[in-house]
Amino acid sequence: VDPDDWVEHDMLSSLYRIAKENNSDMVICDYFQENMLSNKCKYICQKPTSLETDELIRDMTYLLHGACWNKLIRKNCFDKYNIAFPLEFSLNEDLYVTLSLLRNGIRVSYLPRAFYHYVSCSNNLSITQNHFYSDRVYDEDITKFTMFCELMKNHKYYCDVRSVMAAYVVRRAYHSNYYSSYQFMKHFGMFRNDILQLKH
């Protein structure tokens, strides 16, 4: 759970009950998006288009939140498939873990209830809201892009994941205003074809 978020008291017991009933390795639930500036709460549905793992990978890439905080995951899966949170980057590491698990064909269930309260706008110092950029951040993003591509190599949705991650890397740098136009093209021109492949 992120430090500024919170959960309903029956979240774990409810997810565990579904996991036991269906012998699931992962249970996904909905969540609440909390905007502390406007004091508004929005219900976010996380119903997958399919519980088949290949389609879930595509859903996590395009439609659903890839975070681990709205999922209960069997610990044995981390041990069995040697999966751990990557130390090479600090954003999207939870999506990397989720895709790593799904790549191994685990059994997934969905519970149409929201338990997790995700604070999307608490303060300007939030790591996901901070647009500070540097050459170090660029190197980390390129490492992240490379690791996601390696993870999804030979998968039927490889191009989808590659395009979405390319767009993420470029968007972060673009909004930072860190580079001149020439420097931006020099650093990110290689992602142009990937981004043009996006279906949205």
C-alpha atoms as a PDB file:
ATOM      1  CA  VAL A   1       0.000   0.000   0.000  1.00  0.00           C
ATOM      2  CA  ASP A   2       1.388   3.396  -0.965  1.00  0.00           C
ATOM      3  CA  PRO A   3       1.956   5.701   2.048  1.00  0.00           C
ATOM      4  CA  ASP A   4      -0.882   8.126   1.223  1.00  0.00           C
ATOM      5  CA  ASP A   5      -3.435   5.439   0.242  1.00  0.00           C
ATOM      6  CA  TRP A   6      -5.716   3.275   2.391  1.00  0.00           C
ATOM      7  CA  VAL A   7      -7.810   0.116   2.148  1.00  0.00           C
ATOM      8  CA  GLU A   8     -11.180  -1.114   3.378  1.00  0.00           C
ATOM      9  CA  HIS A   9     -10.965  -3.336   6.477  1.00  0.00           C
ATOM     10  CA  ASP A  10     -12.272  -6.437   4.671  1.00  0.00           C
ATOM     11  CA  MET A  11     -10.112  -6.200   1.550  1.00  0.00           C
ATOM     12  CA  LEU A  12      -7.732  -9.076   2.280  1.00  0.00           C
ATOM     13  CA  SER A  13     -10.376 -11.412   3.702  1.00  0.00           C
ATOM     14  CA  SER A  14     -12.639 -10.821   0.688  1.00  0.00           C
ATOM     15  CA  LEU A  15      -9.882 -11.357  -1.876  1.00  0.00           C
ATOM     16  CA  TYR A  16      -8.634 -14.414   0.016  1.00  0.00           C
ATOM     17  CA  ARG A  17     -12.117 -15.947   0.000  1.00  0.00           C
ATOM     18  CA  ILE A  18     -12.271 -15.671  -3.822  1.00  0.00           C
ATOM     19  CA  ALA A  19      -8.739 -17.033  -4.135  1.00  0.00           C
ATOM     20  CA  LYS A  20      -9.670 -20.083  -2.054  1.00  0.00           C
ATOM     21  CA  GLU A  21     -12.982 -20.657  -3.857  1.00  0.00           C
ATOM     22  CA  ASN A  22     -11.384 -20.571  -7.321  1.00  0.00           C
ATOM     23  CA  ASN A  23      -7.896 -21.824  -6.424  1.00  0.00           C
ATOM     24  CA  SER A  24      -6.592 -18.585  -7.933  1.00  0.00           C
ATOM     25  CA  ASP A  25      -3.005 -17.368  -8.046  1.00  0.00           C
ATOM     26  CA  MET A  26      -4.134 -13.754  -8.443  1.00  0.00           C
ATOM     27  CA  VAL A  27      -7.383 -11.963  -7.583  1.00  0.00           C
ATOM     28  CA  ILE A  28      -8.052  -8.529  -9.101  1.00  0.00           C
ATOM     29  CA  CYS A  29     -10.531  -6.036  -7.634  1.00  0.00           C
ATOM     30  CA  ASP A  30     -11.815  -2.551  -8.434  1.00  0.00           C
ATOM     31  CA  TYR A  31     -10.589   0.553  -6.615  1.00  0.00           C
ATOM     32  CA  PHE A  32     -11.497   4.103  -5.629  1.00  0.00           C
ATOM     33  CA  GLN A  33      -9.583   7.040  -7.062  1.00  0.00           C
ATOM     34  CA  GLU A  34      -9.345   9.780  -4.461  1.00  0.00           C
ATOM     35  CA  ASN A  35      -8.625  13.368  -5.472  1.00  0.00           C
ATOM     36  CA  MET A  36      -7.712  15.160  -2.266  1.00  0.00           C
ATOM     37  CA  LEU A  37      -7.598  18.584  -3.941  1.00  0.00           C
ATOM     38  CA  SER A  38     -11.201  18.448  -5.154  1.00  0.00           C
ATOM     39  CA  ASN A  39     -12.338  16.082  -2.378  1.00  0.00           C
ATOM     40  CA  LYS A  40     -13.914  13.761  -4.956  1.00  0.00           C
ATOM     41  CA  CYS A  41     -13.933   9.968  -5.070  1.00  0.00           C
ATOM     42  CA  LYS A  42     -14.382   7.993  -8.296  1.00  0.00           C
ATOM     43  CA  TYR A  43     -15.139   4.276  -8.582  1.00  0.00           C
ATOM     44  CA  ILE A  44     -12.745   2.623 -11.063  1.00  0.00           C
ATOM     45  CA  CYS A  45     -13.885  -0.693 -12.538  1.00  0.00           C
ATOM     46  CA  GLN A  46     -11.082  -3.154 -13.278  1.00  0.00           C
ATOM     47  CA  LYS A  47     -13.084  -5.924 -14.931  1.00  0.00           C
ATOM     48  CA  PRO A  48     -10.847  -7.695 -17.479  1.00  0.00           C
ATOM     49  CA  THR A  49     -12.112  -8.457 -20.966  1.00  0.00           C
ATOM     50  CA  SER A  50     -10.942 -12.023 -20.317  1.00  0.00           C
ATOM     51  CA  LEU A  51      -9.306 -13.992 -17.499  1.00  0.00           C
ATOM     52  CA  GLU A  52      -7.014 -15.725 -20.007  1.00  0.00           C
ATOM     53  CA  THR A  53      -3.493 -14.557 -19.194  1.00  0.00           C
ATOM     54  CA  ASP A  54      -2.486 -13.443 -22.698  1.00  0.00           C
ATOM     55  CA  GLU A  55      -5.534 -11.194 -22.910  1.00  0.00           C
ATOM     56  CA  LEU A  56      -4.922  -9.967 -19.375  1.00  0.00           C
ATOM     57  CA  ILE A  57      -1.457  -8.837 -20.470  1.00  0.00           C
ATOM     58  CA  ARG A  58      -3.057  -6.709 -23.168  1.00  0.00           C
ATOM     59  CA  ASP A  59      -5.640  -5.384 -20.689  1.00  0.00           C
ATOM     60  CA  MET A  60      -2.905  -4.417 -18.211  1.00  0.00           C
ATOM     61  CA  THR A  61      -1.122  -2.603 -21.022  1.00  0.00           C
ATOM     62  CA  TYR A  62      -4.113  -0.626 -22.341  1.00  0.00           C
ATOM     63  CA  LEU A  63      -7.186  -0.803 -20.104  1.00  0.00           C
ATOM     64  CA  LEU A  64      -6.453  -1.765 -16.505  1.00  0.00           C
ATOM     65  CA  HIS A  65      -4.147  -0.517 -13.772  1.00  0.00           C
ATOM     66  CA  GLY A  66      -1.077  -2.737 -13.632  1.00  0.00           C
ATOM     67  CA  ALA A  67      -0.354  -1.942  -9.980  1.00  0.00           C
ATOM     68  CA  CYS A  68      -0.104  -4.713  -7.399  1.00  0.00           C
ATOM     69  CA  TRP A  69      -2.115  -2.865  -4.754  1.00  0.00           C
ATOM     70  CA  ASN A  70      -5.530  -3.980  -6.081  1.00  0.00           C
ATOM     71  CA  LYS A  71      -4.454  -7.599  -6.406  1.00  0.00           C
ATOM     72  CA  LEU A  72      -3.935 -10.497  -4.018  1.00  0.00           C
ATOM     73  CA  ILE A  73      -1.173 -12.779  -5.313  1.00  0.00           C
ATOM     74  CA  ARG A  74      -0.149 -16.225  -4.165  1.00  0.00           C
ATOM     75  CA  LYS A  75       3.311 -15.906  -2.622  1.00  0.00           C
ATOM     76  CA  ASN A  76       4.421 -19.219  -4.088  1.00  0.00           C
ATOM     77  CA  CYS A  77       4.199 -17.682  -7.579  1.00  0.00           C
ATOM     78  CA  PHE A  78       7.004 -15.261  -6.742  1.00  0.00           C
ATOM     79  CA  ASP A  79       9.167 -18.128  -5.514  1.00  0.00           C
ATOM     80  CA  LYS A  80       8.237 -20.618  -8.229  1.00  0.00           C
ATOM     81  CA  TYR A  81       8.862 -18.234 -11.141  1.00  0.00           C
ATOM     82  CA  ASN A  82      11.704 -16.287  -9.461  1.00  0.00           C
ATOM     83  CA  ILE A  83       9.883 -12.951  -9.674  1.00  0.00           C
ATOM     84  CA  ALA A  84      10.902  -9.906  -7.658  1.00  0.00           C
ATOM     85  CA  PHE A  85      10.410  -6.168  -7.909  1.00  0.00           C
ATOM     86  CA  PRO A  86      13.153  -4.739 -10.164  1.00  0.00           C
ATOM     87  CA  LEU A  87      15.676  -2.427  -8.539  1.00  0.00           C
ATOM     88  CA  GLU A  88      16.668  -0.821 -11.845  1.00  0.00           C
ATOM     89  CA  PHE A  89      13.727   1.614 -11.954  1.00  0.00           C
ATOM     90  CA  SER A  90      11.255   3.167  -9.507  1.00  0.00           C
ATOM     91  CA  LEU A  91       8.129   3.804 -11.617  1.00  0.00           C
ATOM     92  CA  ASN A  92       6.099   1.055 -13.344  1.00  0.00           C
ATOM     93  CA  GLU A  93       7.905  -1.586 -11.308  1.00  0.00           C
ATOM     94  CA  ASP A  94       4.542  -2.993 -10.206  1.00  0.00           C
ATOM     95  CA  LEU A  95       3.345  -3.339 -13.822  1.00  0.00           C
ATOM     96  CA  TYR A  96       6.580  -5.186 -14.573  1.00  0.00           C
ATOM     97  CA  VAL A  97       5.840  -7.631 -11.738  1.00  0.00           C
ATOM     98  CA  THR A  98       2.213  -8.095 -12.824  1.00  0.00           C
ATOM     99  CA  LEU A  99       3.222  -8.844 -16.428  1.00  0.00           C
ATOM    100  CA  SER A 100       5.972 -11.180 -15.201  1.00  0.00           C
ATOM    101  CA  LEU A 101       3.396 -13.178 -13.254  1.00  0.00           C
ATOM    102  CA  LEU A 102       0.923 -13.286 -16.138  1.00  0.00           C
ATOM    103  CA  ARG A 103       3.668 -14.440 -18.521  1.00  0.00           C
ATOM    104  CA  ASN A 104       3.713 -17.681 -16.537  1.00  0.00           C
ATOM    105  CA  GLY A 105       0.061 -18.515 -17.183  1.00  0.00           C
ATOM    106  CA  ILE A 106      -1.145 -18.144 -13.601  1.00  0.00           C
ATOM    107  CA  ARG A 107      -4.826 -18.623 -12.679  1.00  0.00           C
ATOM    108  CA  VAL A 108      -6.653 -15.282 -12.246  1.00  0.00           C
ATOM    109  CA  SER A 109     -10.032 -14.300 -10.751  1.00  0.00           C
ATOM    110  CA  TYR A 110     -11.864 -10.985 -10.582  1.00  0.00           C
ATOM    111  CA  LEU A 111     -13.957  -9.601  -7.713  1.00  0.00           C
ATOM    112  CA  PRO A 112     -16.252  -6.690  -8.770  1.00  0.00           C
ATOM    113  CA  ARG A 113     -15.820  -4.688  -5.572  1.00  0.00           C
ATOM    114  CA  ALA A 114     -13.588  -1.759  -4.681  1.00  0.00           C
ATOM    115  CA  PHE A 115     -11.476  -1.845  -1.517  1.00  0.00           C
ATOM    116  CA  TYR A 116      -8.392   0.212  -2.290  1.00  0.00           C
ATOM    117  CA  HIS A 117      -8.383   4.025  -2.081  1.00  0.00           C
ATOM    118  CA  TYR A 118      -5.788   5.346  -4.511  1.00  0.00           C
ATOM    119  CA  VAL A 119      -4.843   8.973  -3.905  1.00  0.00           C
ATOM    120  CA  SER A 120      -4.134  10.483  -7.309  1.00  0.00           C
ATOM    121  CA  CYS A 121      -3.597  14.083  -6.251  1.00  0.00           C
ATOM    122  CA  SER A 122      -2.387  14.606  -2.704  1.00  0.00           C
ATOM    123  CA  ASN A 123       0.537  17.000  -3.066  1.00  0.00           C
ATOM    124  CA  ASN A 124       2.944  18.326  -5.648  1.00  0.00           C
ATOM    125  CA  LEU A 125       5.833  16.295  -4.253  1.00  0.00           C
ATOM    126  CA  SER A 126       4.328  12.942  -5.162  1.00  0.00           C
ATOM    127  CA  ILE A 127       6.814  10.840  -7.122  1.00  0.00           C
ATOM    128  CA  THR A 128       4.265  10.177  -9.886  1.00  0.00           C
ATOM    129  CA  GLN A 129       3.323  13.862 -10.177  1.00  0.00           C
ATOM    130  CA  ASN A 130       6.850  15.256 -10.146  1.00  0.00           C
ATOM    131  CA  HIS A 131       8.030  16.166 -13.646  1.00  0.00           C
ATOM    132  CA  PHE A 132      11.657  16.689 -12.643  1.00  0.00           C
ATOM    133  CA  TYR A 133      13.850  15.193 -15.347  1.00  0.00           C
ATOM    134  CA  SER A 134      17.563  14.554 -15.764  1.00  0.00           C
ATOM    135  CA  ASP A 135      20.017  12.412 -17.706  1.00  0.00           C
ATOM    136  CA  ARG A 136      19.811   9.900 -14.853  1.00  0.00           C
ATOM    137  CA  VAL A 137      16.026   9.654 -15.274  1.00  0.00           C
ATOM    138  CA  TYR A 138      16.528   9.193 -19.022  1.00  0.00           C
ATOM    139  CA  ASP A 139      18.966   6.310 -18.411  1.00  0.00           C
ATOM    140  CA  GLU A 140      16.507   4.719 -15.968  1.00  0.00           C
ATOM    141  CA  ASP A 141      13.640   5.022 -18.466  1.00  0.00           C
ATOM    142  CA  ILE A 142      15.714   3.455 -21.252  1.00  0.00           C
ATOM    143  CA  THR A 143      16.643   0.600 -18.907  1.00  0.00           C
ATOM    144  CA  LYS A 144      12.970   0.172 -18.054  1.00  0.00           C
ATOM    145  CA  PHE A 145      11.967   0.142 -21.732  1.00  0.00           C
ATOM    146  CA  THR A 146      14.648  -2.472 -22.486  1.00  0.00           C
ATOM    147  CA  MET A 147      13.598  -4.695 -19.574  1.00  0.00           C
ATOM    148  CA  PHE A 148       9.916  -4.599 -20.576  1.00  0.00           C
ATOM    149  CA  CYS A 149      10.851  -5.494 -24.159  1.00  0.00           C
ATOM    150  CA  GLU A 150      13.016  -8.374 -22.946  1.00  0.00           C
ATOM    151  CA  LEU A 151      10.228  -9.612 -20.668  1.00  0.00           C
ATOM    152  CA  MET A 152       7.684  -9.631 -23.507  1.00  0.00           C
ATOM    153  CA  LYS A 153       9.995 -11.009 -26.193  1.00  0.00           C
ATOM    154  CA  ASN A 154       8.246 -13.594 -28.427  1.00  0.00           C
ATOM    155  CA  HIS A 155       4.837 -12.812 -26.895  1.00  0.00           C
ATOM    156  CA  LYS A 156       1.950 -12.054 -29.248  1.00  0.00           C
ATOM    157  CA  TYR A 157       1.401  -8.668 -27.569  1.00  0.00           C
ATOM    158  CA  TYR A 158       5.075  -7.711 -27.594  1.00  0.00           C
ATOM    159  CA  CYS A 159       4.487  -4.807 -30.002  1.00  0.00           C
ATOM    160  CA  ASP A 160       1.634  -3.450 -27.877  1.00  0.00           C
ATOM    161  CA  VAL A 161       3.726  -3.397 -24.708  1.00  0.00           C
ATOM    162  CA  ARG A 162       6.714  -1.959 -26.574  1.00  0.00           C
ATOM    163  CA  SER A 163       4.619   0.861 -28.072  1.00  0.00           C
ATOM    164  CA  VAL A 164       2.975   1.781 -24.767  1.00  0.00           C
ATOM    165  CA  MET A 165       6.304   1.853 -22.926  1.00  0.00           C
ATOM    166  CA  ALA A 166       7.886   3.915 -25.705  1.00  0.00           C
ATOM    167  CA  ALA A 167       5.048   6.437 -25.435  1.00  0.00           C
ATOM    168  CA  TYR A 168       5.481   6.537 -21.661  1.00  0.00           C
ATOM    169  CA  VAL A 169       9.213   7.261 -21.923  1.00  0.00           C
ATOM    170  CA  VAL A 170       8.730   9.976 -24.558  1.00  0.00           C
ATOM    171  CA  ARG A 171       5.779  11.615 -22.786  1.00  0.00           C
ATOM    172  CA  ARG A 172       7.677  11.900 -19.493  1.00  0.00           C
ATOM    173  CA  ALA A 173      10.617  13.603 -21.145  1.00  0.00           C
ATOM    174  CA  TYR A 174       8.429  15.816 -23.346  1.00  0.00           C
ATOM    175  CA  HIS A 175       6.457  17.253 -20.429  1.00  0.00           C
ATOM    176  CA  SER A 176       9.641  17.947 -18.480  1.00  0.00           C
ATOM    177  CA  ASN A 177      10.942  20.548 -20.970  1.00  0.00           C
ATOM    178  CA  TYR A 178      14.419  19.280 -20.116  1.00  0.00           C
ATOM    179  CA  TYR A 179      15.678  19.026 -23.704  1.00  0.00           C
ATOM    180  CA  SER A 180      15.859  21.445 -26.595  1.00  0.00           C
ATOM    181  CA  SER A 181      13.987  20.342 -29.737  1.00  0.00           C
ATOM    182  CA  TYR A 182      17.239  19.088 -31.276  1.00  0.00           C
ATOM    183  CA  GLN A 183      18.219  17.146 -28.128  1.00  0.00           C
ATOM    184  CA  PHE A 184      14.723  15.711 -27.834  1.00  0.00           C
ATOM    185  CA  MET A 185      14.788  14.363 -31.399  1.00  0.00           C
ATOM    186  CA  LYS A 186      18.296  13.001 -30.855  1.00  0.00           C
ATOM    187  CA  HIS A 187      17.263  11.111 -27.695  1.00  0.00           C
ATOM    188  CA  PHE A 188      13.771   9.989 -28.657  1.00  0.00           C
ATOM    189  CA  GLY A 189      13.561   9.886 -32.446  1.00  0.00           C
ATOM    190  CA  MET A 190      14.196   6.143 -32.266  1.00  0.00           C
ATOM    191  CA  PHE A 191      10.761   5.684 -30.613  1.00  0.00           C
ATOM    192  CA  ARG A 192       8.795   7.344 -33.418  1.00  0.00           C
ATOM    193  CA  ASN A 193       7.760   4.160 -35.226  1.00  0.00           C
ATOM    194  CA  ASP A 194       6.811   2.449 -31.949  1.00  0.00           C
ATOM    195  CA  ILE A 195       4.497   5.302 -31.001  1.00  0.00           C
ATOM    196  CA  LEU A 196       2.902   5.404 -34.456  1.00  0.00           C
ATOM    197  CA  GLN A 197       1.892   1.768 -33.900  1.00  0.00           C
ATOM    198  CA  LEU A 198      -0.349   2.717 -30.979  1.00  0.00           C
ATOM    199  CA  LYS A 199      -4.003   1.980 -31.595  1.00  0.00           C
ATOM    200  CA  HIS A 200      -5.236   4.870 -29.451  1.00  0.00           C
END
